[in-house]
PDB file of N, CA and C in Angstrom:
ATOM      1  N   MET A   1       1.366 -25.145  13.714  1.00  0.00           N
ATOM      2  CA  MET A   1       1.450 -25.101  12.272  1.00  0.00           C
ATOM      3  C   MET A   1       2.799 -24.522  11.872  1.00  0.00           C
ATOM      4  N   GLN A   2       3.493 -25.191  11.014  1.00  0.00           N
ATOM      5  CA  GLN A   2       4.770 -24.711  10.518  1.00  0.00           C
ATOM      6  C   GLN A   2       4.691 -24.555   9.003  1.00  0.00           C
ATOM      7  N   ILE A   3       5.191 -23.440   8.543  1.00  0.00           N
ATOM      8  CA  ILE A   3       5.183 -23.163   7.106  1.00  0.00           C
ATOM      9  C   ILE A   3       6.612 -23.250   6.596  1.00  0.00           C
ATOM     10  N   ASP A   4       6.780 -23.984   5.537  1.00  0.00           N
ATOM     11  CA  ASP A   4       8.094 -24.169   4.930  1.00  0.00           C
ATOM     12  C   ASP A   4       8.628 -22.832   4.410  1.00  0.00           C
ATOM     13  N   GLU A   5       9.937 -22.619   4.523  1.00  0.00           N
ATOM     14  CA  GLU A   5      10.546 -21.363   4.066  1.00  0.00           C
ATOM     15  C   GLU A   5      10.445 -21.174   2.565  1.00  0.00           C
ATOM     16  N   SER A   6      10.225 -22.227   1.830  1.00  0.00           N
ATOM     17  CA  SER A   6      10.099 -22.101   0.378  1.00  0.00           C
ATOM     18  C   SER A   6       8.875 -21.258   0.013  1.00  0.00           C
ATOM     19  N   VAL A   7       7.871 -21.264   0.890  1.00  0.00           N
ATOM     20  CA  VAL A   7       6.669 -20.456   0.651  1.00  0.00           C
ATOM     21  C   VAL A   7       7.038 -18.970   0.669  1.00  0.00           C
ATOM     22  N   ALA A   8       7.861 -18.563   1.617  1.00  0.00           N
ATOM     23  CA  ALA A   8       8.287 -17.161   1.706  1.00  0.00           C
ATOM     24  C   ALA A   8       9.113 -16.772   0.480  1.00  0.00           C
ATOM     25  N   HIS A   9       9.973 -17.662   0.049  1.00  0.00           N
ATOM     26  CA  HIS A   9      10.786 -17.373  -1.143  1.00  0.00           C
ATOM     27  C   HIS A   9       9.916 -17.260  -2.392  1.00  0.00           C
ATOM     28  N   ARG A  10       8.941 -18.141  -2.510  1.00  0.00           N
ATOM     29  CA  ARG A  10       8.025 -18.107  -3.658  1.00  0.00           C
ATOM     30  C   ARG A  10       7.223 -16.814  -3.669  1.00  0.00           C
ATOM     31  N   GLN A  11       6.739 -16.404  -2.487  1.00  0.00           N
ATOM     32  CA  GLN A  11       5.951 -15.177  -2.400  1.00  0.00           C
ATOM     33  C   GLN A  11       6.815 -13.959  -2.732  1.00  0.00           C
ATOM     34  N   ALA A  12       8.059 -13.941  -2.272  1.00  0.00           N
ATOM     35  CA  ALA A  12       8.968 -12.829  -2.579  1.00  0.00           C
ATOM     36  C   ALA A  12       9.235 -12.749  -4.074  1.00  0.00           C
ATOM     37  N   GLU A  13       9.373 -13.892  -4.718  1.00  0.00           N
ATOM     38  CA  GLU A  13       9.572 -13.917  -6.172  1.00  0.00           C
ATOM     39  C   GLU A  13       8.343 -13.386  -6.903  1.00  0.00           C
ATOM     40  N   ARG A  14       7.151 -13.780  -6.432  1.00  0.00           N
ATOM     41  CA  ARG A  14       5.910 -13.304  -7.055  1.00  0.00           C
ATOM     42  C   ARG A  14       5.789 -11.787  -6.914  1.00  0.00           C
ATOM     43  N   LEU A  15       6.159 -11.261  -5.745  1.00  0.00           N
ATOM     44  CA  LEU A  15       6.085  -9.822  -5.513  1.00  0.00           C
ATOM     45  C   LEU A  15       7.081  -9.082  -6.410  1.00  0.00           C
ATOM     46  N   SER A  16       8.278  -9.622  -6.548  1.00  0.00           N
ATOM     47  CA  SER A  16       9.274  -9.006  -7.426  1.00  0.00           C
ATOM     48  C   SER A  16       8.797  -8.989  -8.870  1.00  0.00           C
ATOM     49  N   LYS A  17       8.189 -10.077  -9.308  1.00  0.00           N
ATOM     50  CA  LYS A  17       7.667 -10.155 -10.673  1.00  0.00           C
ATOM     51  C   LYS A  17       6.532  -9.155 -10.874  1.00  0.00           C
ATOM     52  N   LEU A  18       5.651  -9.047  -9.881  1.00  0.00           N
ATOM     53  CA  LEU A  18       4.542  -8.086  -9.962  1.00  0.00           C
ATOM     54  C   LEU A  18       5.077  -6.671 -10.101  1.00  0.00           C
ATOM     55  N   ARG A  19       6.046  -6.315  -9.282  1.00  0.00           N
ATOM     56  CA  ARG A  19       6.605  -4.962  -9.326  1.00  0.00           C
ATOM     57  C   ARG A  19       7.327  -4.693 -10.639  1.00  0.00           C
ATOM     58  N   ALA A  20       7.925  -5.719 -11.222  1.00  0.00           N
ATOM     59  CA  ALA A  20       8.627  -5.539 -12.494  1.00  0.00           C
ATOM     60  C   ALA A  20       7.654  -5.390 -13.663  1.00  0.00           C
ATOM     61  N   ASP A  21       6.499  -6.066 -13.582  1.00  0.00           N
ATOM     62  CA  ASP A  21       5.542  -6.083 -14.695  1.00  0.00           C
ATOM     63  C   ASP A  21       4.566  -4.908 -14.692  1.00  0.00           C
ATOM     64  N   ARG A  22       4.366  -4.268 -13.560  1.00  0.00           N
ATOM     65  CA  ARG A  22       3.374  -3.193 -13.485  1.00  0.00           C
ATOM     66  C   ARG A  22       3.954  -1.876 -13.984  1.00  0.00           C
ATOM     67  N   SER A  23       3.066  -0.926 -14.234  1.00  0.00           N
ATOM     68  CA  SER A  23       3.482   0.407 -14.668  1.00  0.00           C
ATOM     69  C   SER A  23       3.837   1.240 -13.435  1.00  0.00           C
ATOM     70  N   LYS A  24       5.115   1.538 -13.269  1.00  0.00           N
ATOM     71  CA  LYS A  24       5.565   2.293 -12.099  1.00  0.00           C
ATOM     72  C   LYS A  24       4.972   3.695 -12.084  1.00  0.00           C
ATOM     73  N   ASP A  25       4.854   4.302 -13.260  1.00  0.00           N
ATOM     74  CA  ASP A  25       4.285   5.646 -13.341  1.00  0.00           C
ATOM     75  C   ASP A  25       2.822   5.656 -12.926  1.00  0.00           C
ATOM     76  N   GLU A  26       2.081   4.641 -13.352  1.00  0.00           N
ATOM     77  CA  GLU A  26       0.657   4.549 -13.004  1.00  0.00           C
ATOM     78  C   GLU A  26       0.486   4.352 -11.505  1.00  0.00           C
ATOM     79  N   VAL A  27       1.289   3.483 -10.910  1.00  0.00           N
ATOM     80  CA  VAL A  27       1.208   3.245  -9.464  1.00  0.00           C
ATOM     81  C   VAL A  27       1.537   4.527  -8.712  1.00  0.00           C
ATOM     82  N   ALA A  28       2.590   5.210  -9.116  1.00  0.00           N
ATOM     83  CA  ALA A  28       2.976   6.459  -8.450  1.00  0.00           C
ATOM     84  C   ALA A  28       1.872   7.505  -8.574  1.00  0.00           C
ATOM     85  N   ARG A  29       1.261   7.592  -9.748  1.00  0.00           N
ATOM     86  CA  ARG A  29       0.183   8.566  -9.964  1.00  0.00           C
ATOM     87  C   ARG A  29      -1.007   8.260  -9.060  1.00  0.00           C
ATOM     88  N   ARG A  30      -1.380   6.985  -8.965  1.00  0.00           N
ATOM     89  CA  ARG A  30      -2.531   6.591  -8.124  1.00  0.00           C
ATOM     90  C   ARG A  30      -2.234   6.795  -6.639  1.00  0.00           C
ATOM     91  N   LEU A  31      -1.014   6.502  -6.216  1.00  0.00           N
ATOM     92  CA  LEU A  31      -0.658   6.705  -4.807  1.00  0.00           C
ATOM     93  C   LEU A  31      -0.615   8.194  -4.467  1.00  0.00           C
ATOM     94  N   ASN A  32      -0.154   9.031  -5.390  1.00  0.00           N
ATOM     95  CA  ASN A  32      -0.167  10.478  -5.164  1.00  0.00           C
ATOM     96  C   ASN A  32      -1.595  11.008  -5.092  1.00  0.00           C
ATOM     97  N   ALA A  33      -2.485  10.454  -5.916  1.00  0.00           N
ATOM     98  CA  ALA A  33      -3.898  10.857  -5.853  1.00  0.00           C
ATOM     99  C   ALA A  33      -4.491  10.465  -4.509  1.00  0.00           C
ATOM    100  N   LEU A  34      -4.097   9.305  -3.993  1.00  0.00           N
ATOM    101  CA  LEU A  34      -4.566   8.871  -2.667  1.00  0.00           C
ATOM    102  C   LEU A  34      -4.054   9.810  -1.586  1.00  0.00           C
ATOM    103  N   ARG A  35      -2.793  10.196  -1.655  1.00  0.00           N
ATOM    104  CA  ARG A  35      -2.237  11.136  -0.667  1.00  0.00           C
ATOM    105  C   ARG A  35      -2.985  12.469  -0.703  1.00  0.00           C
ATOM    106  N   THR A  36      -3.246  12.965  -1.907  1.00  0.00           N
ATOM    107  CA  THR A  36      -3.959  14.235  -2.053  1.00  0.00           C
ATOM    108  C   THR A  36      -5.368  14.142  -1.486  1.00  0.00           C
ATOM    109  N   ALA A  37      -6.062  13.052  -1.765  1.00  0.00           N
ATOM    110  CA  ALA A  37      -7.416  12.863  -1.245  1.00  0.00           C
ATOM    111  C   ALA A  37      -7.405  12.744   0.275  1.00  0.00           C
ATOM    112  N   ALA A  38      -6.373  12.116   0.818  1.00  0.00           N
ATOM    113  CA  ALA A  38      -6.289  11.944   2.274  1.00  0.00           C
ATOM    114  C   ALA A  38      -6.072  13.274   2.985  1.00  0.00           C
ATOM    115  N   GLN A  39      -5.502  14.235   2.289  1.00  0.00           N
ATOM    116  CA  GLN A  39      -5.291  15.551   2.888  1.00  0.00           C
ATOM    117  C   GLN A  39      -6.574  16.364   2.945  1.00  0.00           C
ATOM    118  N   GLY A  40      -7.566  15.965   2.170  1.00  0.00           N
ATOM    119  CA  GLY A  40      -8.839  16.682   2.148  1.00  0.00           C
ATOM    120  C   GLY A  40      -9.905  15.912   2.915  1.00  0.00           C
ATOM    121  N   ALA A  41     -11.135  16.070   2.463  1.00  0.00           N
ATOM    122  CA  ALA A  41     -12.266  15.419   3.129  1.00  0.00           C
ATOM    123  C   ALA A  41     -12.941  14.403   2.219  1.00  0.00           C
ATOM    124  N   ASP A  42     -12.239  13.973   1.164  1.00  0.00           N
ATOM    125  CA  ASP A  42     -12.818  13.031   0.205  1.00  0.00           C
ATOM    126  C   ASP A  42     -12.909  11.625   0.786  1.00  0.00           C
ATOM    127  N   ASN A  43     -13.821  10.836   0.226  1.00  0.00           N
ATOM    128  CA  ASN A  43     -13.915   9.421   0.542  1.00  0.00           C
ATOM    129  C   ASN A  43     -12.685   8.734  -0.054  1.00  0.00           C
ATOM    130  N   LEU A  44     -11.929   8.007   0.752  1.00  0.00           N
ATOM    131  CA  LEU A  44     -10.681   7.415   0.286  1.00  0.00           C
ATOM    132  C   LEU A  44     -10.862   6.092  -0.446  1.00  0.00           C
ATOM    133  N   MET A  45     -12.002   5.435  -0.279  1.00  0.00           N
ATOM    134  CA  MET A  45     -12.185   4.115  -0.879  1.00  0.00           C
ATOM    135  C   MET A  45     -11.999   4.100  -2.398  1.00  0.00           C
ATOM    136  N   PRO A  46     -12.549   5.041  -3.160  1.00  0.00           N
ATOM    137  CA  PRO A  46     -12.299   5.008  -4.613  1.00  0.00           C
ATOM    138  C   PRO A  46     -10.812   5.136  -4.958  1.00  0.00           C
ATOM    139  N   PHE A  47     -10.079   5.916  -4.192  1.00  0.00           N
ATOM    140  CA  PHE A  47      -8.655   6.104  -4.441  1.00  0.00           C
ATOM    141  C   PHE A  47      -7.857   4.859  -4.058  1.00  0.00           C
ATOM    142  N   ILE A  48      -8.258   4.212  -2.958  1.00  0.00           N
ATOM    143  CA  ILE A  48      -7.614   2.957  -2.564  1.00  0.00           C
ATOM    144  C   ILE A  48      -7.887   1.890  -3.618  1.00  0.00           C
ATOM    145  N   PHE A  49      -9.119   1.831  -4.093  1.00  0.00           N
ATOM    146  CA  PHE A  49      -9.496   0.853  -5.122  1.00  0.00           C
ATOM    147  C   PHE A  49      -8.697   1.085  -6.404  1.00  0.00           C
ATOM    148  N   ASP A  50      -8.569   2.343  -6.818  1.00  0.00           N
ATOM    149  CA  ASP A  50      -7.788   2.661  -8.023  1.00  0.00           C
ATOM    150  C   ASP A  50      -6.325   2.261  -7.860  1.00  0.00           C
ATOM    151  N   ALA A  51      -5.768   2.505  -6.682  1.00  0.00           N
ATOM    152  CA  ALA A  51      -4.375   2.123  -6.428  1.00  0.00           C
ATOM    153  C   ALA A  51      -4.222   0.606  -6.489  1.00  0.00           C
ATOM    154  N   ALA A  52      -5.167  -0.115  -5.933  1.00  0.00           N
ATOM    155  CA  ALA A  52      -5.104  -1.581  -5.965  1.00  0.00           C
ATOM    156  C   ALA A  52      -5.255  -2.100  -7.394  1.00  0.00           C
ATOM    157  N   LYS A  53      -6.116  -1.453  -8.191  1.00  0.00           N
ATOM    158  CA  LYS A  53      -6.282  -1.867  -9.593  1.00  0.00           C
ATOM    159  C   LYS A  53      -5.004  -1.661 -10.400  1.00  0.00           C
ATOM    160  N   SER A  54      -4.190  -0.700  -9.991  1.00  0.00           N
ATOM    161  CA  SER A  54      -2.929  -0.459 -10.703  1.00  0.00           C
ATOM    162  C   SER A  54      -1.799  -1.319 -10.137  1.00  0.00           C
ATOM    163  N   TYR A  55      -2.157  -2.261  -9.276  1.00  0.00           N
ATOM    164  CA  TYR A  55      -1.222  -3.216  -8.671  1.00  0.00           C
ATOM    165  C   TYR A  55      -0.296  -2.601  -7.637  1.00  0.00           C
ATOM    166  N   ALA A  56      -0.748  -1.543  -6.953  1.00  0.00           N
ATOM    167  CA  ALA A  56      -0.011  -1.056  -5.789  1.00  0.00           C
ATOM    168  C   ALA A  56      -0.194  -2.100  -4.683  1.00  0.00           C
ATOM    169  N   THR A  57       0.840  -2.340  -3.921  1.00  0.00           N
ATOM    170  CA  THR A  57       0.734  -3.333  -2.853  1.00  0.00           C
ATOM    171  C   THR A  57       0.032  -2.729  -1.641  1.00  0.00           C
ATOM    172  N   LEU A  58      -0.418  -3.587  -0.754  1.00  0.00           N
ATOM    173  CA  LEU A  58      -1.068  -3.127   0.469  1.00  0.00           C
ATOM    174  C   LEU A  58      -0.116  -2.251   1.277  1.00  0.00           C
ATOM    175  N   GLY A  59       1.140  -2.634   1.332  1.00  0.00           N
ATOM    176  CA  GLY A  59       2.128  -1.843   2.062  1.00  0.00           C
ATOM    177  C   GLY A  59       2.308  -0.456   1.464  1.00  0.00           C
ATOM    178  N   GLU A  60       2.312  -0.366   0.148  1.00  0.00           N
ATOM    179  CA  GLU A  60       2.460   0.934  -0.508  1.00  0.00           C
ATOM    180  C   GLU A  60       1.240   1.811  -0.257  1.00  0.00           C
ATOM    181  N   ILE A  61       0.064   1.222  -0.266  1.00  0.00           N
ATOM    182  CA  ILE A  61      -1.157   1.976   0.004  1.00  0.00           C
ATOM    183  C   ILE A  61      -1.153   2.473   1.450  1.00  0.00           C
ATOM    184  N   CYS A  62      -0.778   1.596   2.380  1.00  0.00           N
ATOM    185  CA  CYS A  62      -0.711   1.995   3.789  1.00  0.00           C
ATOM    186  C   CYS A  62       0.344   3.074   4.008  1.00  0.00           C
ATOM    187  N   ASP A  63       1.493   2.951   3.343  1.00  0.00           N
ATOM    188  CA  ASP A  63       2.535   3.966   3.476  1.00  0.00           C
ATOM    189  C   ASP A  63       2.066   5.322   2.970  1.00  0.00           C
ATOM    190  N   ALA A  64       1.296   5.330   1.888  1.00  0.00           N
ATOM    191  CA  ALA A  64       0.772   6.591   1.356  1.00  0.00           C
ATOM    192  C   ALA A  64      -0.144   7.262   2.374  1.00  0.00           C
ATOM    193  N   MET A  65      -0.975   6.473   3.032  1.00  0.00           N
ATOM    194  CA  MET A  65      -1.867   7.052   4.046  1.00  0.00           C
ATOM    195  C   MET A  65      -1.099   7.415   5.317  1.00  0.00           C
ATOM    196  N   ARG A  66      -0.063   6.644   5.650  1.00  0.00           N
ATOM    197  CA  ARG A  66       0.773   6.968   6.801  1.00  0.00           C
ATOM    198  C   ARG A  66       1.498   8.290   6.596  1.00  0.00           C
ATOM    199  N   ASP A  67       1.863   8.600   5.348  1.00  0.00           N
ATOM    200  CA  ASP A  67       2.512   9.876   5.045  1.00  0.00           C
ATOM    201  C   ASP A  67       1.634  11.048   5.448  1.00  0.00           C
ATOM    202  N   VAL A  68       0.326  10.886   5.293  1.00  0.00           N
ATOM    203  CA  VAL A  68      -0.614  11.968   5.593  1.00  0.00           C
ATOM    204  C   VAL A  68      -1.081  11.918   7.045  1.00  0.00           C
ATOM    205  N   PHE A  69      -1.500  10.730   7.505  1.00  0.00           N
ATOM    206  CA  PHE A  69      -2.121  10.610   8.818  1.00  0.00           C
ATOM    207  C   PHE A  69      -1.135  10.305   9.941  1.00  0.00           C
ATOM    208  N   GLY A  70       0.031   9.792   9.606  1.00  0.00           N
ATOM    209  CA  GLY A  70       0.979   9.380  10.631  1.00  0.00           C
ATOM    210  C   GLY A  70       0.595   8.012  11.187  1.00  0.00           C
ATOM    211  N   THR A  71       1.267   7.611  12.249  1.00  0.00           N
ATOM    212  CA  THR A  71       1.016   6.334  12.888  1.00  0.00           C
ATOM    213  C   THR A  71       0.435   6.578  14.261  1.00  0.00           C
ATOM    214  N   TYR A  72      -0.667   5.910  14.557  1.00  0.00           N
ATOM    215  CA  TYR A  72      -1.306   6.069  15.858  1.00  0.00           C
ATOM    216  C   TYR A  72      -0.511   5.336  16.911  1.00  0.00           C
ATOM    217  N   GLU A  73      -0.271   6.013  17.996  1.00  0.00           N
ATOM    218  CA  GLU A  73       0.372   5.387  19.151  1.00  0.00           C
ATOM    219  C   GLU A  73      -0.493   5.682  20.364  1.00  0.00           C
ATOM    220  N   GLU A  74      -0.938   4.622  20.991  1.00  0.00           N
ATOM    221  CA  GLU A  74      -1.810   4.766  22.151  1.00  0.00           C
ATOM    222  C   GLU A  74      -1.026   5.359  23.322  1.00  0.00           C
ATOM    223  N   VAL A  75      -1.660   6.276  24.026  1.00  0.00           N
ATOM    224  CA  VAL A  75      -1.047   6.891  25.181  1.00  0.00           C
ATOM    225  C   VAL A  75      -1.277   5.986  26.382  1.00  0.00           C
ATOM    226  N   ALA A  76      -0.218   5.609  27.044  1.00  0.00           N
ATOM    227  CA  ALA A  76      -0.334   4.735  28.215  1.00  0.00           C
ATOM    228  C   ALA A  76      -0.849   5.550  29.391  1.00  0.00           C
ATOM    229  N   ILE A  77      -1.890   5.040  30.023  1.00  0.00           N
ATOM    230  CA  ILE A  77      -2.446   5.687  31.215  1.00  0.00           C
ATOM    231  C   ILE A  77      -1.970   4.894  32.416  1.00  0.00           C
ATOM    232  N   THR A  78      -1.230   5.580  33.271  1.00  0.00           N
ATOM    233  CA  THR A  78      -0.691   4.892  34.453  1.00  0.00           C
ATOM    234  C   THR A  78      -1.254   5.430  35.710  1.00  0.00           C
TER     235      THR A  78
END
């Protein structure tokens, strides 16, 4: 299966438009609330849902959780 490069360009344009049209302050506030919840023992799903409703991207949501939890790296057993 081969995907035409125009699809990638179209998707990049859609993402740029989304980021331009959304409320940057609202996204930042929701992502900060997610980071704060991740530092505690709260259920993260409501915070993830709120961030998605404010048009935070999947990458931004993952980055917010990576800030708190870090990135898992499997230890090689030899």
